[in-house]
């Protein structure tokens, strides 16, 4: 899909970004706890949100804290053909 994914720490002072894969999945890696996120793509709506204050899951592979924000839908803008 090629959407841009941005994540920020609690006080918005540090950010990271990535691009989604063709199937829309992504991994956003960084050395901070992400609290805020935003996803956008050309000709699609922008979606943003906050991560709940939950304990991160740890991956078995490399013990990196992992948050799952679930399935996010961005809609094609209606005024674009």
PDB file of N, CA and C in Angstrom:
ATOM      1  N   UNK A   1       0.815  -1.193   0.000  1.00  0.00           N
ATOM      2  CA  UNK A   1       0.000   0.000   0.000  1.00  0.00           C
ATOM      3  C   UNK A   1       0.854   1.249   0.000  1.00  0.00           C
ATOM      4  N   UNK A   2       1.955   1.277   0.772  1.00  0.00           N
ATOM      5  CA  UNK A   2       2.837   2.428   0.793  1.00  0.00           C
ATOM      6  C   UNK A   2       2.379   3.588   1.650  1.00  0.00           C
ATOM      7  N   UNK A   3       1.606   3.321   2.701  1.00  0.00           N
ATOM      8  CA  UNK A   3       1.193   4.392   3.618  1.00  0.00           C
ATOM      9  C   UNK A   3       2.354   4.738   4.549  1.00  0.00           C
ATOM     10  N   UNK A   4       2.392   5.974   4.994  1.00  0.00           N
ATOM     11  CA  UNK A   4       3.411   6.432   5.935  1.00  0.00           C
ATOM     12  C   UNK A   4       2.869   6.255   7.352  1.00  0.00           C
ATOM     13  N   UNK A   5       3.676   5.652   8.214  1.00  0.00           N
ATOM     14  CA  UNK A   5       3.315   5.449   9.611  1.00  0.00           C
ATOM     15  C   UNK A   5       4.303   6.233  10.460  1.00  0.00           C
ATOM     16  N   UNK A   6       3.780   7.072  11.345  1.00  0.00           N
ATOM     17  CA  UNK A   6       4.606   7.868  12.250  1.00  0.00           C
ATOM     18  C   UNK A   6       4.259   7.524  13.689  1.00  0.00           C
ATOM     19  N   UNK A   7       5.254   7.510  14.553  1.00  0.00           N
ATOM     20  CA  UNK A   7       5.032   7.284  15.976  1.00  0.00           C
ATOM     21  C   UNK A   7       5.855   8.244  16.795  1.00  0.00           C
ATOM     22  N   UNK A   8       5.276   8.737  17.900  1.00  0.00           N
ATOM     23  CA  UNK A   8       5.950   9.698  18.776  1.00  0.00           C
ATOM     24  C   UNK A   8       5.959   9.189  20.207  1.00  0.00           C
ATOM     25  N   UNK A   9       6.918   9.698  20.977  1.00  0.00           N
ATOM     26  CA  UNK A   9       6.928   9.403  22.407  1.00  0.00           C
ATOM     27  C   UNK A   9       5.881  10.269  23.118  1.00  0.00           C
ATOM     28  N   UNK A  10       5.790  10.111  24.442  1.00  0.00           N
ATOM     29  CA  UNK A  10       4.732  10.756  25.224  1.00  0.00           C
ATOM     30  C   UNK A  10       4.678  12.271  25.048  1.00  0.00           C
ATOM     31  N   UNK A  11       5.837  12.942  25.077  1.00  0.00           N
ATOM     32  CA  UNK A  11       5.835  14.413  24.998  1.00  0.00           C
ATOM     33  C   UNK A  11       6.089  14.942  23.576  1.00  0.00           C
ATOM     34  N   UNK A  12       5.944  14.082  22.580  1.00  0.00           N
ATOM     35  CA  UNK A  12       6.058  14.455  21.168  1.00  0.00           C
ATOM     36  C   UNK A  12       7.462  14.932  20.789  1.00  0.00           C
ATOM     37  N   UNK A  13       8.492  14.646  21.582  1.00  0.00           N
ATOM     38  CA  UNK A  13       9.829  15.165  21.301  1.00  0.00           C
ATOM     39  C   UNK A  13      10.684  14.245  20.434  1.00  0.00           C
ATOM     40  N   UNK A  14      10.275  12.987  20.272  1.00  0.00           N
ATOM     41  CA  UNK A  14      11.047  12.039  19.473  1.00  0.00           C
ATOM     42  C   UNK A  14      10.077  11.257  18.587  1.00  0.00           C
ATOM     43  N   UNK A  15      10.420  11.130  17.302  1.00  0.00           N
ATOM     44  CA  UNK A  15       9.523  10.430  16.380  1.00  0.00           C
ATOM     45  C   UNK A  15      10.288   9.445  15.507  1.00  0.00           C
ATOM     46  N   UNK A  16       9.555   8.475  14.999  1.00  0.00           N
ATOM     47  CA  UNK A  16      10.072   7.488  14.061  1.00  0.00           C
ATOM     48  C   UNK A  16       9.029   7.306  12.968  1.00  0.00           C
ATOM     49  N   UNK A  17       9.458   6.795  11.820  1.00  0.00           N
ATOM     50  CA  UNK A  17       8.508   6.557  10.737  1.00  0.00           C
ATOM     51  C   UNK A  17       8.889   5.297   9.965  1.00  0.00           C
ATOM     52  N   UNK A  18       7.919   4.774   9.223  1.00  0.00           N
ATOM     53  CA  UNK A  18       8.125   3.643   8.339  1.00  0.00           C
ATOM     54  C   UNK A  18       7.074   3.699   7.240  1.00  0.00           C
ATOM     55  N   UNK A  19       7.169   2.815   6.280  1.00  0.00           N
ATOM     56  CA  UNK A  19       6.212   2.691   5.172  1.00  0.00           C
ATOM     57  C   UNK A  19       5.594   1.301   5.235  1.00  0.00           C
ATOM     58  N   UNK A  20       4.289   1.209   4.986  1.00  0.00           N
ATOM     59  CA  UNK A  20       3.629  -0.097   5.011  1.00  0.00           C
ATOM     60  C   UNK A  20       4.031  -0.939   3.804  1.00  0.00           C
ATOM     61  N   UNK A  21       3.920  -2.249   3.982  1.00  0.00           N
ATOM     62  CA  UNK A  21       4.166  -3.191   2.892  1.00  0.00           C
ATOM     63  C   UNK A  21       2.963  -3.187   1.954  1.00  0.00           C
ATOM     64  N   UNK A  22       3.047  -3.912   0.853  1.00  0.00           N
ATOM     65  CA  UNK A  22       1.942  -3.969  -0.119  1.00  0.00           C
ATOM     66  C   UNK A  22       0.643  -4.442   0.514  1.00  0.00           C
ATOM     67  N   UNK A  23       0.737  -5.350   1.489  1.00  0.00           N
ATOM     68  CA  UNK A  23      -0.475  -5.871   2.133  1.00  0.00           C
ATOM     69  C   UNK A  23      -0.966  -4.967   3.267  1.00  0.00           C
ATOM     70  N   UNK A  24      -0.284  -3.846   3.510  1.00  0.00           N
ATOM     71  CA  UNK A  24      -0.709  -2.892   4.532  1.00  0.00           C
ATOM     72  C   UNK A  24      -0.096  -3.119   5.900  1.00  0.00           C
ATOM     73  N   UNK A  25       0.643  -4.195   6.088  1.00  0.00           N
ATOM     74  CA  UNK A  25       1.268  -4.438   7.386  1.00  0.00           C
ATOM     75  C   UNK A  25       2.531  -3.602   7.530  1.00  0.00           C
ATOM     76  N   UNK A  26       2.950  -3.412   8.783  1.00  0.00           N
ATOM     77  CA  UNK A  26       4.159  -2.625   9.029  1.00  0.00           C
ATOM     78  C   UNK A  26       4.735  -2.942  10.391  1.00  0.00           C
ATOM     79  N   UNK A  27       6.001  -2.583  10.574  1.00  0.00           N
ATOM     80  CA  UNK A  27       6.667  -2.585  11.867  1.00  0.00           C
ATOM     81  C   UNK A  27       7.307  -1.219  12.030  1.00  0.00           C
ATOM     82  N   UNK A  28       7.066  -0.603  13.146  1.00  0.00           N
ATOM     83  CA  UNK A  28       7.663   0.686  13.468  1.00  0.00           C
ATOM     84  C   UNK A  28       8.614   0.450  14.635  1.00  0.00           C
ATOM     85  N   UNK A  29       9.900   0.542  14.362  1.00  0.00           N
ATOM     86  CA  UNK A  29      10.913   0.228  15.370  1.00  0.00           C
ATOM     87  C   UNK A  29      11.568   1.499  15.882  1.00  0.00           C
ATOM     88  N   UNK A  30      11.863   1.538  17.165  1.00  0.00           N
ATOM     89  CA  UNK A  30      12.530   2.684  17.756  1.00  0.00           C
ATOM     90  C   UNK A  30      12.961   2.373  19.172  1.00  0.00           C
ATOM     91  N   UNK A  31      13.678   3.285  19.779  1.00  0.00           N
ATOM     92  CA  UNK A  31      14.171   3.065  21.140  1.00  0.00           C
ATOM     93  C   UNK A  31      13.353   3.817  22.189  1.00  0.00           C
ATOM     94  N   UNK A  32      12.133   4.217  21.832  1.00  0.00           N
ATOM     95  CA  UNK A  32      11.251   4.902  22.777  1.00  0.00           C
ATOM     96  C   UNK A  32       9.915   4.168  22.861  1.00  0.00           C
ATOM     97  N   UNK A  33       9.193   4.422  23.934  1.00  0.00           N
ATOM     98  CA  UNK A  33       7.824   3.915  24.065  1.00  0.00           C
ATOM     99  C   UNK A  33       6.919   4.827  23.229  1.00  0.00           C
ATOM    100  N   UNK A  34       6.259   4.276  22.219  1.00  0.00           N
ATOM    101  CA  UNK A  34       5.374   5.072  21.372  1.00  0.00           C
ATOM    102  C   UNK A  34       4.045   5.297  22.075  1.00  0.00           C
ATOM    103  N   UNK A  35       3.606   6.537  22.119  1.00  0.00           N
ATOM    104  CA  UNK A  35       2.324   6.888  22.729  1.00  0.00           C
ATOM    105  C   UNK A  35       1.333   7.424  21.701  1.00  0.00           C
ATOM    106  N   UNK A  36       1.827   8.067  20.652  1.00  0.00           N
ATOM    107  CA  UNK A  36       0.980   8.688  19.634  1.00  0.00           C
ATOM    108  C   UNK A  36       1.357   8.100  18.271  1.00  0.00           C
ATOM    109  N   UNK A  37       0.380   7.924  17.396  1.00  0.00           N
ATOM    110  CA  UNK A  37       0.662   7.417  16.058  1.00  0.00           C
ATOM    111  C   UNK A  37      -0.240   8.069  15.021  1.00  0.00           C
ATOM    112  N   UNK A  38       0.227   8.063  13.768  1.00  0.00           N
ATOM    113  CA  UNK A  38      -0.553   8.607  12.651  1.00  0.00           C
ATOM    114  C   UNK A  38      -0.206   7.801  11.407  1.00  0.00           C
ATOM    115  N   UNK A  39      -1.223   7.509  10.585  1.00  0.00           N
ATOM    116  CA  UNK A  39      -1.040   6.770   9.333  1.00  0.00           C
ATOM    117  C   UNK A  39      -1.720   7.558   8.225  1.00  0.00           C
ATOM    118  N   UNK A  40      -1.013   7.748   7.104  1.00  0.00           N
ATOM    119  CA  UNK A  40      -1.599   8.466   5.968  1.00  0.00           C
ATOM    120  C   UNK A  40      -0.999   7.941   4.673  1.00  0.00           C
ATOM    121  N   UNK A  41      -1.739   8.148   3.589  1.00  0.00           N
ATOM    122  CA  UNK A  41      -1.287   7.745   2.256  1.00  0.00           C
ATOM    123  C   UNK A  41      -1.884   8.699   1.241  1.00  0.00           C
ATOM    124  N   UNK A  42      -1.192   8.878   0.125  1.00  0.00           N
ATOM    125  CA  UNK A  42      -1.688   9.733  -0.943  1.00  0.00           C
ATOM    126  C   UNK A  42      -3.067   9.263  -1.385  1.00  0.00           C
ATOM    127  N   UNK A  43      -4.004  10.169  -1.485  1.00  0.00           N
ATOM    128  CA  UNK A  43      -5.385   9.934  -1.912  1.00  0.00           C
ATOM    129  C   UNK A  43      -6.233   9.172  -0.888  1.00  0.00           C
ATOM    130  N   UNK A  44      -5.727   9.024   0.338  1.00  0.00           N
ATOM    131  CA  UNK A  44      -6.470   8.339   1.398  1.00  0.00           C
ATOM    132  C   UNK A  44      -6.603   9.241   2.613  1.00  0.00           C
ATOM    133  N   UNK A  45      -7.550   8.899   3.482  1.00  0.00           N
ATOM    134  CA  UNK A  45      -7.754   9.657   4.711  1.00  0.00           C
ATOM    135  C   UNK A  45      -6.572   9.462   5.661  1.00  0.00           C
ATOM    136  N   UNK A  46      -6.432  10.366   6.604  1.00  0.00           N
ATOM    137  CA  UNK A  46      -5.420  10.262   7.644  1.00  0.00           C
ATOM    138  C   UNK A  46      -6.090   9.721   8.900  1.00  0.00           C
ATOM    139  N   UNK A  47      -5.403   8.802   9.578  1.00  0.00           N
ATOM    140  CA  UNK A  47      -5.928   8.213  10.804  1.00  0.00           C
ATOM    141  C   UNK A  47      -4.861   8.372  11.880  1.00  0.00           C
ATOM    142  N   UNK A  48      -5.283   8.722  13.086  1.00  0.00           N
ATOM    143  CA  UNK A  48      -4.326   8.885  14.169  1.00  0.00           C
ATOM    144  C   UNK A  48      -4.939   8.423  15.474  1.00  0.00           C
ATOM    145  N   UNK A  49      -4.081   8.183  16.450  1.00  0.00           N
ATOM    146  CA  UNK A  49      -4.583   7.714  17.727  1.00  0.00           C
ATOM    147  C   UNK A  49      -3.509   7.687  18.791  1.00  0.00           C
ATOM    148  N   UNK A  50      -3.880   7.169  19.929  1.00  0.00           N
ATOM    149  CA  UNK A  50      -3.007   7.052  21.095  1.00  0.00           C
ATOM    150  C   UNK A  50      -2.943   5.581  21.487  1.00  0.00           C
ATOM    151  N   UNK A  51      -1.784   5.158  21.961  1.00  0.00           N
ATOM    152  CA  UNK A  51      -1.675   3.807  22.487  1.00  0.00           C
ATOM    153  C   UNK A  51      -2.187   3.797  23.915  1.00  0.00           C
ATOM    154  N   UNK A  52      -2.902   2.760  24.248  1.00  0.00           N
ATOM    155  CA  UNK A  52      -3.378   2.593  25.619  1.00  0.00           C
ATOM    156  C   UNK A  52      -2.182   2.380  26.532  1.00  0.00           C
ATOM    157  N   UNK A  53      -2.341   2.752  27.780  1.00  0.00           N
ATOM    158  CA  UNK A  53      -1.261   2.516  28.749  1.00  0.00           C
ATOM    159  C   UNK A  53      -1.343   1.065  29.187  1.00  0.00           C
ATOM    160  N   UNK A  54      -0.766   0.219  28.359  1.00  0.00           N
ATOM    161  CA  UNK A  54      -0.779  -1.209  28.646  1.00  0.00           C
ATOM    162  C   UNK A  54       0.656  -1.719  28.672  1.00  0.00           C
ATOM    163  N   UNK A  55       0.847  -2.865  29.287  1.00  0.00           N
ATOM    164  CA  UNK A  55       2.171  -3.476  29.289  1.00  0.00           C
ATOM    165  C   UNK A  55       2.438  -4.040  27.909  1.00  0.00           C
ATOM    166  N   UNK A  56       3.576  -3.681  27.315  1.00  0.00           N
ATOM    167  CA  UNK A  56       3.869  -4.208  25.978  1.00  0.00           C
ATOM    168  C   UNK A  56       4.094  -5.708  26.013  1.00  0.00           C
ATOM    169  N   UNK A  57       3.766  -6.356  24.929  1.00  0.00           N
ATOM    170  CA  UNK A  57       4.065  -7.771  24.778  1.00  0.00           C
ATOM    171  C   UNK A  57       5.533  -7.878  24.403  1.00  0.00           C
ATOM    172  N   UNK A  58       6.177  -8.961  24.774  1.00  0.00           N
ATOM    173  CA  UNK A  58       7.565  -9.195  24.380  1.00  0.00           C
ATOM    174  C   UNK A  58       7.583 -10.264  23.292  1.00  0.00           C
ATOM    175  N   UNK A  59       8.324 -10.019  22.240  1.00  0.00           N
ATOM    176  CA  UNK A  59       8.432 -11.024  21.193  1.00  0.00           C
ATOM    177  C   UNK A  59       9.386 -12.112  21.655  1.00  0.00           C
ATOM    178  N   UNK A  60       9.153 -13.327  21.216  1.00  0.00           N
ATOM    179  CA  UNK A  60      10.016 -14.438  21.582  1.00  0.00           C
ATOM    180  C   UNK A  60      11.355 -14.354  20.844  1.00  0.00           C
ATOM    181  N   UNK A  61      11.350 -13.771  19.668  1.00  0.00           N
ATOM    182  CA  UNK A  61      12.529 -13.754  18.805  1.00  0.00           C
ATOM    183  C   UNK A  61      13.662 -12.914  19.387  1.00  0.00           C
ATOM    184  N   UNK A  62      13.397 -11.697  19.779  1.00  0.00           N
ATOM    185  CA  UNK A  62      14.478 -10.803  20.180  1.00  0.00           C
ATOM    186  C   UNK A  62      14.160  -9.977  21.425  1.00  0.00           C
ATOM    187  N   UNK A  63      13.080 -10.301  22.117  1.00  0.00           N
ATOM    188  CA  UNK A  63      12.710  -9.660  23.372  1.00  0.00           C
ATOM    189  C   UNK A  63      12.476  -8.148  23.244  1.00  0.00           C
ATOM    190  N   UNK A  64      12.053  -7.683  22.078  1.00  0.00           N
ATOM    191  CA  UNK A  64      11.740  -6.277  21.859  1.00  0.00           C
ATOM    192  C   UNK A  64      10.298  -6.016  22.301  1.00  0.00           C
ATOM    193  N   UNK A  65      10.048  -4.958  23.106  1.00  0.00           N
ATOM    194  CA  UNK A  65       8.664  -4.629  23.465  1.00  0.00           C
ATOM    195  C   UNK A  65       7.841  -4.386  22.192  1.00  0.00           C
ATOM    196  N   UNK A  66       6.663  -4.988  22.116  1.00  0.00           N
ATOM    197  CA  UNK A  66       5.853  -4.922  20.907  1.00  0.00           C
ATOM    198  C   UNK A  66       4.431  -4.508  21.261  1.00  0.00           C
ATOM    199  N   UNK A  67       3.895  -3.545  20.519  1.00  0.00           N
ATOM    200  CA  UNK A  67       2.514  -3.104  20.697  1.00  0.00           C
ATOM    201  C   UNK A  67       1.737  -3.441  19.437  1.00  0.00           C
ATOM    202  N   UNK A  68       0.554  -3.953  19.585  1.00  0.00           N
ATOM    203  CA  UNK A  68      -0.303  -4.253  18.446  1.00  0.00           C
ATOM    204  C   UNK A  68      -1.456  -3.263  18.461  1.00  0.00           C
ATOM    205  N   UNK A  69      -1.511  -2.366  17.462  1.00  0.00           N
ATOM    206  CA  UNK A  69      -2.594  -1.376  17.434  1.00  0.00           C
ATOM    207  C   UNK A  69      -3.802  -1.901  16.664  1.00  0.00           C
ATOM    208  N   UNK A  70      -3.740  -3.162  16.242  1.00  0.00           N
ATOM    209  CA  UNK A  70      -4.879  -3.787  15.587  1.00  0.00           C
ATOM    210  C   UNK A  70      -4.984  -3.427  14.126  1.00  0.00           C
ATOM    211  N   UNK A  71      -6.167  -3.589  13.576  1.00  0.00           N
ATOM    212  CA  UNK A  71      -6.420  -3.302  12.166  1.00  0.00           C
ATOM    213  C   UNK A  71      -6.914  -1.862  12.049  1.00  0.00           C
ATOM    214  N   UNK A  72      -6.218  -1.083  11.236  1.00  0.00           N
ATOM    215  CA  UNK A  72      -6.570   0.312  11.009  1.00  0.00           C
ATOM    216  C   UNK A  72      -7.007   0.448   9.562  1.00  0.00           C
ATOM    217  N   UNK A  73      -8.135   1.083   9.339  1.00  0.00           N
ATOM    218  CA  UNK A  73      -8.632   1.266   7.974  1.00  0.00           C
ATOM    219  C   UNK A  73      -8.511   2.734   7.578  1.00  0.00           C
ATOM    220  N   UNK A  74      -7.870   2.959   6.430  1.00  0.00           N
ATOM    221  CA  UNK A  74      -7.859   4.306   5.859  1.00  0.00           C
ATOM    222  C   UNK A  74      -8.671   4.254   4.573  1.00  0.00           C
ATOM    223  N   UNK A  75      -9.502   5.239   4.379  1.00  0.00           N
ATOM    224  CA  UNK A  75     -10.451   5.238   3.265  1.00  0.00           C
ATOM    225  C   UNK A  75      -9.980   6.136   2.131  1.00  0.00           C
ATOM    226  N   UNK A  76     -10.259   5.708   0.912  1.00  0.00           N
ATOM    227  CA  UNK A  76      -9.951   6.508  -0.250  1.00  0.00           C
ATOM    228  C   UNK A  76     -10.804   7.785  -0.180  1.00  0.00           C
ATOM    229  N   UNK A  77     -10.174   8.925  -0.467  1.00  0.00           N
ATOM    230  CA  UNK A  77     -10.892  10.184  -0.428  1.00  0.00           C
ATOM    231  C   UNK A  77     -11.947  10.210  -1.539  1.00  0.00           C
ATOM    232  N   UNK A  78     -13.135  10.642  -1.225  1.00  0.00           N
ATOM    233  CA  UNK A  78     -14.248  10.575  -2.180  1.00  0.00           C
ATOM    234  C   UNK A  78     -14.163  11.596  -3.283  1.00  0.00           C
ATOM    235  N   UNK A  79     -13.444  12.681  -3.079  1.00  0.00           N
ATOM    236  CA  UNK A  79     -13.381  13.715  -4.111  1.00  0.00           C
ATOM    237  C   UNK A  79     -12.265  13.471  -5.127  1.00  0.00           C
ATOM    238  N   UNK A  80     -11.553  12.345  -4.992  1.00  0.00           N
ATOM    239  CA  UNK A  80     -10.491  12.004  -5.938  1.00  0.00           C
ATOM    240  C   UNK A  80     -10.977  10.854  -6.811  1.00  0.00           C
ATOM    241  N   UNK A  81     -10.821  11.010  -8.120  1.00  0.00           N
ATOM    242  CA  UNK A  81     -11.266   9.964  -9.048  1.00  0.00           C
ATOM    243  C   UNK A  81     -10.273   8.851  -9.152  1.00  0.00           C
TER     244      UNK A  81
END
